[in-house]
mmCIF file of all heavy atoms, coordinates in Angstrom:
data_MODEL
# 
_entry.id   MODEL 
# 
loop_
_atom_site.group_PDB 
_atom_site.id 
_atom_site.type_symbol 
_atom_site.label_atom_id 
_atom_site.label_alt_id 
_atom_site.label_comp_id 
_atom_site.label_asym_id 
_atom_site.label_entity_id 
_atom_site.label_seq_id 
_atom_site.pdbx_PDB_ins_code 
_atom_site.Cartn_x 
_atom_site.Cartn_y 
_atom_site.Cartn_z 
_atom_site.occupancy 
_atom_site.B_iso_or_equiv 
_atom_site.pdbx_formal_charge 
_atom_site.auth_seq_id 
_atom_site.auth_comp_id 
_atom_site.auth_asym_id 
_atom_site.auth_atom_id 
_atom_site.pdbx_PDB_model_num 
ATOM 1   N N   . SER A 1 1  ? 53.100 95.245  90.489  1.00 0.00 ? 1  SER A N   1 
ATOM 2   C CA  . SER A 1 1  ? 53.752 94.804  91.695  1.00 0.00 ? 1  SER A CA  1 
ATOM 3   C C   . SER A 1 1  ? 52.944 93.669  92.313  1.00 0.00 ? 1  SER A C   1 
ATOM 4   O O   . SER A 1 1  ? 51.847 93.338  91.858  1.00 0.00 ? 1  SER A O   1 
ATOM 5   C CB  . SER A 1 1  ? 53.899 95.949  92.692  1.00 0.00 ? 1  SER A CB  1 
ATOM 6   O OG  . SER A 1 1  ? 52.640 96.450  93.108  1.00 0.00 ? 1  SER A OG  1 
ATOM 7   N N   . ARG A 1 2  ? 53.546 93.040  93.352  1.00 0.00 ? 2  ARG A N   1 
ATOM 8   C CA  . ARG A 1 2  ? 52.798 91.986  94.037  1.00 0.00 ? 2  ARG A CA  1 
ATOM 9   C C   . ARG A 1 2  ? 53.221 91.917  95.472  1.00 0.00 ? 2  ARG A C   1 
ATOM 10  O O   . ARG A 1 2  ? 54.342 92.304  95.830  1.00 0.00 ? 2  ARG A O   1 
ATOM 11  C CB  . ARG A 1 2  ? 53.000 90.636  93.356  1.00 0.00 ? 2  ARG A CB  1 
ATOM 12  C CG  . ARG A 1 2  ? 54.358 89.927  93.659  1.00 0.00 ? 2  ARG A CG  1 
ATOM 13  C CD  . ARG A 1 2  ? 55.460 90.502  92.786  1.00 0.00 ? 2  ARG A CD  1 
ATOM 14  N NE  . ARG A 1 2  ? 56.684 89.733  92.886  1.00 0.00 ? 2  ARG A NE  1 
ATOM 15  C CZ  . ARG A 1 2  ? 57.639 89.965  93.795  1.00 0.00 ? 2  ARG A CZ  1 
ATOM 16  N NH1 . ARG A 1 2  ? 57.472 90.958  94.688  1.00 0.00 ? 2  ARG A NH1 1 
ATOM 17  N NH2 . ARG A 1 2  ? 58.736 89.243  93.829  1.00 0.00 ? 2  ARG A NH2 1 
ATOM 18  N N   . ASP A 1 3  ? 52.312 91.437  96.312  1.00 0.00 ? 3  ASP A N   1 
ATOM 19  C CA  . ASP A 1 3  ? 52.563 91.206  97.734  1.00 0.00 ? 3  ASP A CA  1 
ATOM 20  C C   . ASP A 1 3  ? 52.409 89.721  97.957  1.00 0.00 ? 3  ASP A C   1 
ATOM 21  O O   . ASP A 1 3  ? 51.274 89.230  98.070  1.00 0.00 ? 3  ASP A O   1 
ATOM 22  C CB  . ASP A 1 3  ? 51.579 92.037  98.565  1.00 0.00 ? 3  ASP A CB  1 
ATOM 23  C CG  . ASP A 1 3  ? 51.874 91.949  100.066 1.00 0.00 ? 3  ASP A CG  1 
ATOM 24  O OD1 . ASP A 1 3  ? 52.470 90.942  100.504 1.00 0.00 ? 3  ASP A OD1 1 
ATOM 25  O OD2 . ASP A 1 3  ? 51.479 92.877  100.768 1.00 0.00 ? 3  ASP A OD2 1 
ATOM 26  N N   . ASN A 1 4  ? 53.501 89.013  97.957  1.00 0.00 ? 4  ASN A N   1 
ATOM 27  C CA  . ASN A 1 4  ? 53.435 87.578  98.014  1.00 0.00 ? 4  ASN A CA  1 
ATOM 28  C C   . ASN A 1 4  ? 52.698 87.013  99.237  1.00 0.00 ? 4  ASN A C   1 
ATOM 29  O O   . ASN A 1 4  ? 51.875 86.082  99.104  1.00 0.00 ? 4  ASN A O   1 
ATOM 30  C CB  . ASN A 1 4  ? 54.822 86.979  97.907  1.00 0.00 ? 4  ASN A CB  1 
ATOM 31  C CG  . ASN A 1 4  ? 55.413 87.068  96.507  1.00 0.00 ? 4  ASN A CG  1 
ATOM 32  O OD1 . ASN A 1 4  ? 54.808 87.664  95.616  1.00 0.00 ? 4  ASN A OD1 1 
ATOM 33  N ND2 . ASN A 1 4  ? 56.590 86.515  96.333  1.00 0.00 ? 4  ASN A ND2 1 
ATOM 34  N N   . PRO A 1 5  ? 52.997 87.506  100.467 1.00 0.00 ? 5  PRO A N   1 
ATOM 35  C CA  . PRO A 1 5  ? 52.271 86.985  101.606 1.00 0.00 ? 5  PRO A CA  1 
ATOM 36  C C   . PRO A 1 5  ? 50.759 87.158  101.501 1.00 0.00 ? 5  PRO A C   1 
ATOM 37  O O   . PRO A 1 5  ? 50.011 86.345  102.085 1.00 0.00 ? 5  PRO A O   1 
ATOM 38  C CB  . PRO A 1 5  ? 52.841 87.761  102.781 1.00 0.00 ? 5  PRO A CB  1 
ATOM 39  C CG  . PRO A 1 5  ? 54.211 88.160  102.329 1.00 0.00 ? 5  PRO A CG  1 
ATOM 40  C CD  . PRO A 1 5  ? 54.041 88.441  100.869 1.00 0.00 ? 5  PRO A CD  1 
ATOM 41  N N   . LYS A 1 6  ? 50.307 88.200  100.819 1.00 0.00 ? 6  LYS A N   1 
ATOM 42  C CA  . LYS A 1 6  ? 48.890 88.414  100.674 1.00 0.00 ? 6  LYS A CA  1 
ATOM 43  C C   . LYS A 1 6  ? 48.296 87.810  99.397  1.00 0.00 ? 6  LYS A C   1 
ATOM 44  O O   . LYS A 1 6  ? 47.096 87.898  99.171  1.00 0.00 ? 6  LYS A O   1 
ATOM 45  C CB  . LYS A 1 6  ? 48.599 89.910  100.658 1.00 0.00 ? 6  LYS A CB  1 
ATOM 46  C CG  . LYS A 1 6  ? 48.894 90.609  101.974 1.00 0.00 ? 6  LYS A CG  1 
ATOM 47  C CD  . LYS A 1 6  ? 48.547 92.082  101.908 1.00 0.00 ? 6  LYS A CD  1 
ATOM 48  C CE  . LYS A 1 6  ? 48.828 92.766  103.241 1.00 0.00 ? 6  LYS A CE  1 
ATOM 49  N NZ  . LYS A 1 6  ? 48.491 94.215  103.188 1.00 0.00 ? 6  LYS A NZ  1 
ATOM 50  N N   . ASN A 1 7  ? 49.172 87.177  98.614  1.00 0.00 ? 7  ASN A N   1 
ATOM 51  C CA  . ASN A 1 7  ? 48.732 86.600  97.344  1.00 0.00 ? 7  ASN A CA  1 
ATOM 52  C C   . ASN A 1 7  ? 47.949 87.590  96.482  1.00 0.00 ? 7  ASN A C   1 
ATOM 53  O O   . ASN A 1 7  ? 46.899 87.271  95.907  1.00 0.00 ? 7  ASN A O   1 
ATOM 54  C CB  . ASN A 1 7  ? 47.916 85.332  97.574  1.00 0.00 ? 7  ASN A CB  1 
ATOM 55  C CG  . ASN A 1 7  ? 48.760 84.175  98.075  1.00 0.00 ? 7  ASN A CG  1 
ATOM 56  O OD1 . ASN A 1 7  ? 49.837 83.930  97.562  1.00 0.00 ? 7  ASN A OD1 1 
ATOM 57  N ND2 . ASN A 1 7  ? 48.237 83.470  99.068  1.00 0.00 ? 7  ASN A ND2 1 
ATOM 58  N N   . THR A 1 8  ? 48.464 88.824  96.452  1.00 0.00 ? 8  THR A N   1 
ATOM 59  C CA  . THR A 1 8  ? 47.766 89.896  95.754  1.00 0.00 ? 8  THR A CA  1 
ATOM 60  C C   . THR A 1 8  ? 48.687 90.606  94.792  1.00 0.00 ? 8  THR A C   1 
ATOM 61  O O   . THR A 1 8  ? 49.841 90.924  95.156  1.00 0.00 ? 8  THR A O   1 
ATOM 62  C CB  . THR A 1 8  ? 47.184 90.899  96.766  1.00 0.00 ? 8  THR A CB  1 
ATOM 63  O OG1 . THR A 1 8  ? 46.249 90.215  97.639  1.00 0.00 ? 8  THR A OG1 1 
ATOM 64  C CG2 . THR A 1 8  ? 46.476 92.020  96.072  1.00 0.00 ? 8  THR A CG2 1 
ATOM 65  N N   . GLY A 1 9  ? 48.210 90.894  93.600  1.00 0.00 ? 9  GLY A N   1 
ATOM 66  C CA  . GLY A 1 9  ? 48.918 91.685  92.643  1.00 0.00 ? 9  GLY A CA  1 
ATOM 67  C C   . GLY A 1 9  ? 48.268 93.028  92.445  1.00 0.00 ? 9  GLY A C   1 
ATOM 68  O O   . GLY A 1 9  ? 47.067 93.200  92.721  1.00 0.00 ? 9  GLY A O   1 
ATOM 69  N N   . TYR A 1 10 ? 49.070 93.974  91.959  1.00 0.00 ? 10 TYR A N   1 
ATOM 70  C CA  . TYR A 1 10 ? 48.593 95.337  91.801  1.00 0.00 ? 10 TYR A CA  1 
ATOM 71  C C   . TYR A 1 10 ? 49.014 95.875  90.438  1.00 0.00 ? 10 TYR A C   1 
ATOM 72  O O   . TYR A 1 10 ? 50.085 95.527  89.923  1.00 0.00 ? 10 TYR A O   1 
ATOM 73  C CB  . TYR A 1 10 ? 49.118 96.264  92.884  1.00 0.00 ? 10 TYR A CB  1 
ATOM 74  C CG  . TYR A 1 10 ? 48.791 95.810  94.284  1.00 0.00 ? 10 TYR A CG  1 
ATOM 75  C CD1 . TYR A 1 10 ? 49.662 94.998  94.971  1.00 0.00 ? 10 TYR A CD1 1 
ATOM 76  C CD2 . TYR A 1 10 ? 47.601 96.212  94.870  1.00 0.00 ? 10 TYR A CD2 1 
ATOM 77  C CE1 . TYR A 1 10 ? 49.363 94.575  96.266  1.00 0.00 ? 10 TYR A CE1 1 
ATOM 78  C CE2 . TYR A 1 10 ? 47.291 95.802  96.171  1.00 0.00 ? 10 TYR A CE2 1 
ATOM 79  C CZ  . TYR A 1 10 ? 48.174 95.001  96.850  1.00 0.00 ? 10 TYR A CZ  1 
ATOM 80  O OH  . TYR A 1 10 ? 47.869 94.582  98.124  1.00 0.00 ? 10 TYR A OH  1 
ATOM 81  N N   . LEU A 1 11 ? 48.196 96.762  89.908  1.00 0.00 ? 11 LEU A N   1 
ATOM 82  C CA  . LEU A 1 11 ? 48.567 97.552  88.748  1.00 0.00 ? 11 LEU A CA  1 
ATOM 83  C C   . LEU A 1 11 ? 48.337 99.011  89.064  1.00 0.00 ? 11 LEU A C   1 
ATOM 84  O O   . LEU A 1 11 ? 47.171 99.436  89.188  1.00 0.00 ? 11 LEU A O   1 
ATOM 85  C CB  . LEU A 1 11 ? 47.744 97.125  87.520  1.00 0.00 ? 11 LEU A CB  1 
ATOM 86  C CG  . LEU A 1 11 ? 48.124 97.811  86.214  1.00 0.00 ? 11 LEU A CG  1 
ATOM 87  C CD1 . LEU A 1 11 ? 49.536 97.387  85.764  1.00 0.00 ? 11 LEU A CD1 1 
ATOM 88  C CD2 . LEU A 1 11 ? 47.096 97.537  85.110  1.00 0.00 ? 11 LEU A CD2 1 
ATOM 89  N N   . GLN A 1 12 ? 49.408 99.760  89.212  1.00 0.00 ? 12 GLN A N   1 
ATOM 90  C CA  . GLN A 1 12 ? 49.333 101.209 89.456  1.00 0.00 ? 12 GLN A CA  1 
ATOM 91  C C   . GLN A 1 12 ? 49.395 101.904 88.118  1.00 0.00 ? 12 GLN A C   1 
ATOM 92  O O   . GLN A 1 12 ? 50.345 101.756 87.369  1.00 0.00 ? 12 GLN A O   1 
ATOM 93  C CB  . GLN A 1 12 ? 50.474 101.680 90.344  1.00 0.00 ? 12 GLN A CB  1 
ATOM 94  C CG  . GLN A 1 12 ? 50.515 103.159 90.610  1.00 0.00 ? 12 GLN A CG  1 
ATOM 95  C CD  . GLN A 1 12 ? 49.345 103.616 91.455  1.00 0.00 ? 12 GLN A CD  1 
ATOM 96  O OE1 . GLN A 1 12 ? 49.039 103.002 92.493  1.00 0.00 ? 12 GLN A OE1 1 
ATOM 97  N NE2 . GLN A 1 12 ? 48.693 104.686 91.039  1.00 0.00 ? 12 GLN A NE2 1 
ATOM 98  N N   . MET A 1 13 ? 48.385 102.686 87.849  1.00 0.00 ? 13 MET A N   1 
ATOM 99  C CA  . MET A 1 13 ? 48.244 103.389 86.534  1.00 0.00 ? 13 MET A CA  1 
ATOM 100 C C   . MET A 1 13 ? 48.337 104.889 86.770  1.00 0.00 ? 13 MET A C   1 
ATOM 101 O O   . MET A 1 13 ? 47.510 105.453 87.455  1.00 0.00 ? 13 MET A O   1 
ATOM 102 C CB  . MET A 1 13 ? 46.942 103.008 85.851  1.00 0.00 ? 13 MET A CB  1 
ATOM 103 C CG  . MET A 1 13 ? 46.778 101.507 85.644  1.00 0.00 ? 13 MET A CG  1 
ATOM 104 S SD  . MET A 1 13 ? 45.222 101.060 84.801  1.00 0.00 ? 13 MET A SD  1 
ATOM 105 C CE  . MET A 1 13 ? 44.064 101.396 86.133  1.00 0.00 ? 13 MET A CE  1 
ATOM 106 N N   . ASN A 1 14 ? 49.349 105.496 86.207  1.00 0.00 ? 14 ASN A N   1 
ATOM 107 C CA  . ASN A 1 14 ? 49.594 106.928 86.352  1.00 0.00 ? 14 ASN A CA  1 
ATOM 108 C C   . ASN A 1 14 ? 49.556 107.622 85.005  1.00 0.00 ? 14 ASN A C   1 
ATOM 109 O O   . ASN A 1 14 ? 49.721 106.984 83.947  1.00 0.00 ? 14 ASN A O   1 
ATOM 110 C CB  . ASN A 1 14 ? 50.963 107.164 87.002  1.00 0.00 ? 14 ASN A CB  1 
ATOM 111 C CG  . ASN A 1 14 ? 51.074 106.588 88.381  1.00 0.00 ? 14 ASN A CG  1 
ATOM 112 O OD1 . ASN A 1 14 ? 50.121 106.614 89.167  1.00 0.00 ? 14 ASN A OD1 1 
ATOM 113 N ND2 . ASN A 1 14 ? 52.253 106.074 88.708  1.00 0.00 ? 14 ASN A ND2 1 
ATOM 114 N N   . ARG A 1 15 ? 49.343 108.946 85.062  1.00 0.00 ? 15 ARG A N   1 
ATOM 115 C CA  . ARG A 1 15 ? 49.306 109.754 83.843  1.00 0.00 ? 15 ARG A CA  1 
ATOM 116 C C   . ARG A 1 15 ? 48.426 109.128 82.772  1.00 0.00 ? 15 ARG A C   1 
ATOM 117 O O   . ARG A 1 15 ? 48.828 108.948 81.626  1.00 0.00 ? 15 ARG A O   1 
ATOM 118 C CB  . ARG A 1 15 ? 50.742 109.979 83.326  1.00 0.00 ? 15 ARG A CB  1 
ATOM 119 C CG  . ARG A 1 15 ? 51.640 110.676 84.324  1.00 0.00 ? 15 ARG A CG  1 
ATOM 120 C CD  . ARG A 1 15 ? 52.940 111.154 83.735  1.00 0.00 ? 15 ARG A CD  1 
ATOM 121 N NE  . ARG A 1 15 ? 53.700 110.100 83.091  1.00 0.00 ? 15 ARG A NE  1 
ATOM 122 C CZ  . ARG A 1 15 ? 54.488 109.232 83.732  1.00 0.00 ? 15 ARG A CZ  1 
ATOM 123 N NH1 . ARG A 1 15 ? 54.550 109.257 85.065  1.00 0.00 ? 15 ARG A NH1 1 
ATOM 124 N NH2 . ARG A 1 15 ? 55.142 108.314 83.039  1.00 0.00 ? 15 ARG A NH2 1 
ATOM 125 N N   . MET A 1 16 ? 47.240 108.780 83.181  1.00 0.00 ? 16 MET A N   1 
ATOM 126 C CA  . MET A 1 16 ? 46.355 108.012 82.334  1.00 0.00 ? 16 MET A CA  1 
ATOM 127 C C   . MET A 1 16 ? 45.833 108.843 81.173  1.00 0.00 ? 16 MET A C   1 
ATOM 128 O O   . MET A 1 16 ? 45.717 110.067 81.232  1.00 0.00 ? 16 MET A O   1 
ATOM 129 C CB  . MET A 1 16 ? 45.198 107.458 83.126  1.00 0.00 ? 16 MET A CB  1 
ATOM 130 C CG  . MET A 1 16 ? 45.662 106.498 84.225  1.00 0.00 ? 16 MET A CG  1 
ATOM 131 S SD  . MET A 1 16 ? 44.298 105.610 85.023  1.00 0.00 ? 16 MET A SD  1 
ATOM 132 C CE  . MET A 1 16 ? 43.899 104.465 83.717  1.00 0.00 ? 16 MET A CE  1 
ATOM 133 N N   . LYS A 1 17 ? 45.563 108.123 80.083  1.00 0.00 ? 17 LYS A N   1 
ATOM 134 C CA  . LYS A 1 17 ? 45.107 108.693 78.808  1.00 0.00 ? 17 LYS A CA  1 
ATOM 135 C C   . LYS A 1 17 ? 43.760 108.085 78.430  1.00 0.00 ? 17 LYS A C   1 
ATOM 136 O O   . LYS A 1 17 ? 43.440 106.976 78.859  1.00 0.00 ? 17 LYS A O   1 
ATOM 137 C CB  . LYS A 1 17 ? 46.112 108.417 77.707  1.00 0.00 ? 17 LYS A CB  1 
ATOM 138 C CG  . LYS A 1 17 ? 47.532 108.860 78.007  1.00 0.00 ? 17 LYS A CG  1 
ATOM 139 C CD  . LYS A 1 17 ? 48.461 108.403 76.878  1.00 0.00 ? 17 LYS A CD  1 
ATOM 140 C CE  . LYS A 1 17 ? 49.882 108.815 77.160  1.00 0.00 ? 17 LYS A CE  1 
ATOM 141 N NZ  . LYS A 1 17 ? 50.811 108.360 76.087  1.00 0.00 ? 17 LYS A NZ  1 
ATOM 142 N N   . PRO A 1 18 ? 42.976 108.777 77.621  1.00 0.00 ? 18 PRO A N   1 
ATOM 143 C CA  . PRO A 1 18 ? 41.737 108.196 77.138  1.00 0.00 ? 18 PRO A CA  1 
ATOM 144 C C   . PRO A 1 18 ? 41.939 106.829 76.475  1.00 0.00 ? 18 PRO A C   1 
ATOM 145 O O   . PRO A 1 18 ? 41.050 105.958 76.551  1.00 0.00 ? 18 PRO A O   1 
ATOM 146 C CB  . PRO A 1 18 ? 41.219 109.205 76.138  1.00 0.00 ? 18 PRO A CB  1 
ATOM 147 C CG  . PRO A 1 18 ? 41.752 110.506 76.654  1.00 0.00 ? 18 PRO A CG  1 
ATOM 148 C CD  . PRO A 1 18 ? 43.119 110.188 77.179  1.00 0.00 ? 18 PRO A CD  1 
ATOM 149 N N   . GLU A 1 19 ? 43.082 106.618 75.846  1.00 0.00 ? 19 GLU A N   1 
ATOM 150 C CA  . GLU A 1 19 ? 43.363 105.328 75.207  1.00 0.00 ? 19 GLU A CA  1 
ATOM 151 C C   . GLU A 1 19 ? 43.472 104.182 76.205  1.00 0.00 ? 19 GLU A C   1 
ATOM 152 O O   . GLU A 1 19 ? 43.464 103.011 75.821  1.00 0.00 ? 19 GLU A O   1 
ATOM 153 C CB  . GLU A 1 19 ? 44.677 105.420 74.408  1.00 0.00 ? 19 GLU A CB  1 
ATOM 154 C CG  . GLU A 1 19 ? 44.709 106.526 73.379  1.00 0.00 ? 19 GLU A CG  1 
ATOM 155 C CD  . GLU A 1 19 ? 45.311 107.817 73.921  1.00 0.00 ? 19 GLU A CD  1 
ATOM 156 O OE1 . GLU A 1 19 ? 44.564 108.584 74.550  1.00 0.00 ? 19 GLU A OE1 1 
ATOM 157 O OE2 . GLU A 1 19 ? 46.511 108.026 73.690  1.00 0.00 ? 19 GLU A OE2 1 
ATOM 158 N N   . ASP A 1 20 ? 43.600 104.486 77.488  1.00 0.00 ? 20 ASP A N   1 
ATOM 159 C CA  . ASP A 1 20 ? 43.657 103.477 78.536  1.00 0.00 ? 20 ASP A CA  1 
ATOM 160 C C   . ASP A 1 20 ? 42.289 102.972 78.900  1.00 0.00 ? 20 ASP A C   1 
ATOM 161 O O   . ASP A 1 20 ? 42.176 101.989 79.675  1.00 0.00 ? 20 ASP A O   1 
ATOM 162 C CB  . ASP A 1 20 ? 44.342 104.009 79.792  1.00 0.00 ? 20 ASP A CB  1 
ATOM 163 C CG  . ASP A 1 20 ? 45.811 104.349 79.558  1.00 0.00 ? 20 ASP A CG  1 
ATOM 164 O OD1 . ASP A 1 20 ? 46.488 103.638 78.811  1.00 0.00 ? 20 ASP A OD1 1 
ATOM 165 O OD2 . ASP A 1 20 ? 46.267 105.373 80.123  1.00 0.00 ? 20 ASP A OD2 1 
ATOM 166 N N   . THR A 1 21 ? 41.232 103.565 78.411  1.00 0.00 ? 21 THR A N   1 
ATOM 167 C CA  . THR A 1 21 ? 39.863 103.147 78.695  1.00 0.00 ? 21 THR A CA  1 
ATOM 168 C C   . THR A 1 21 ? 39.663 101.708 78.189  1.00 0.00 ? 21 THR A C   1 
ATOM 169 O O   . THR A 1 21 ? 39.846 101.442 76.989  1.00 0.00 ? 21 THR A O   1 
ATOM 170 C CB  . THR A 1 21 ? 38.854 104.089 78.077  1.00 0.00 ? 21 THR A CB  1 
ATOM 171 O OG1 . THR A 1 21 ? 38.958 105.365 78.679  1.00 0.00 ? 21 THR A OG1 1 
ATOM 172 C CG2 . THR A 1 21 ? 37.417 103.561 78.267  1.00 0.00 ? 21 THR A CG2 1 
ATOM 173 N N   . ALA A 1 22 ? 39.270 100.815 79.090  1.00 0.00 ? 22 ALA A N   1 
ATOM 174 C CA  . ALA A 1 22 ? 39.117 99.419  78.719  1.00 0.00 ? 22 ALA A CA  1 
ATOM 175 C C   . ALA A 1 22 ? 38.607 98.647  79.930  1.00 0.00 ? 22 ALA A C   1 
ATOM 176 O O   . ALA A 1 22 ? 38.572 99.167  81.057  1.00 0.00 ? 22 ALA A O   1 
ATOM 177 C CB  . ALA A 1 22 ? 40.420 98.806  78.261  1.00 0.00 ? 22 ALA A CB  1 
ATOM 178 N N   . THR A 1 23 ? 38.226 97.407  79.702  1.00 0.00 ? 23 THR A N   1 
ATOM 179 C CA  . THR A 1 23 ? 38.019 96.449  80.766  1.00 0.00 ? 23 THR A CA  1 
ATOM 180 C C   . THR A 1 23 ? 39.368 95.782  81.047  1.00 0.00 ? 23 THR A C   1 
ATOM 181 O O   . THR A 1 23 ? 40.013 95.271  80.144  1.00 0.00 ? 23 THR A O   1 
ATOM 182 C CB  . THR A 1 23 ? 36.996 95.400  80.397  1.00 0.00 ? 23 THR A CB  1 
ATOM 183 O OG1 . THR A 1 23 ? 35.737 96.043  80.132  1.00 0.00 ? 23 THR A OG1 1 
ATOM 184 C CG2 . THR A 1 23 ? 36.776 94.401  81.532  1.00 0.00 ? 23 THR A CG2 1 
ATOM 185 N N   . TYR A 1 24 ? 39.771 95.810  82.310  1.00 0.00 ? 24 TYR A N   1 
ATOM 186 C CA  . TYR A 1 24 ? 41.081 95.275  82.705  1.00 0.00 ? 24 TYR A CA  1 
ATOM 187 C C   . TYR A 1 24 ? 40.902 93.926  83.396  1.00 0.00 ? 24 TYR A C   1 
ATOM 188 O O   . TYR A 1 24 ? 40.025 93.764  84.260  1.00 0.00 ? 24 TYR A O   1 
ATOM 189 C CB  . TYR A 1 24 ? 41.789 96.231  83.646  1.00 0.00 ? 24 TYR A CB  1 
ATOM 190 C CG  . TYR A 1 24 ? 42.386 97.398  82.929  1.00 0.00 ? 24 TYR A CG  1 
ATOM 191 C CD1 . TYR A 1 24 ? 41.617 98.396  82.396  1.00 0.00 ? 24 TYR A CD1 1 
ATOM 192 C CD2 . TYR A 1 24 ? 43.771 97.492  82.764  1.00 0.00 ? 24 TYR A CD2 1 
ATOM 193 C CE1 . TYR A 1 24 ? 42.155 99.455  81.702  1.00 0.00 ? 24 TYR A CE1 1 
ATOM 194 C CE2 . TYR A 1 24 ? 44.328 98.570  82.081  1.00 0.00 ? 24 TYR A CE2 1 
ATOM 195 C CZ  . TYR A 1 24 ? 43.533 99.544  81.538  1.00 0.00 ? 24 TYR A CZ  1 
ATOM 196 O OH  . TYR A 1 24 ? 44.072 100.613 80.861  1.00 0.00 ? 24 TYR A OH  1 
# 
């Protein structure tokens, strides 16, 4: 998602798995 007035993006990560382990 993103908040245009704040010039900020987001990544919401749910039901996470060990395979998601990484540098983002």
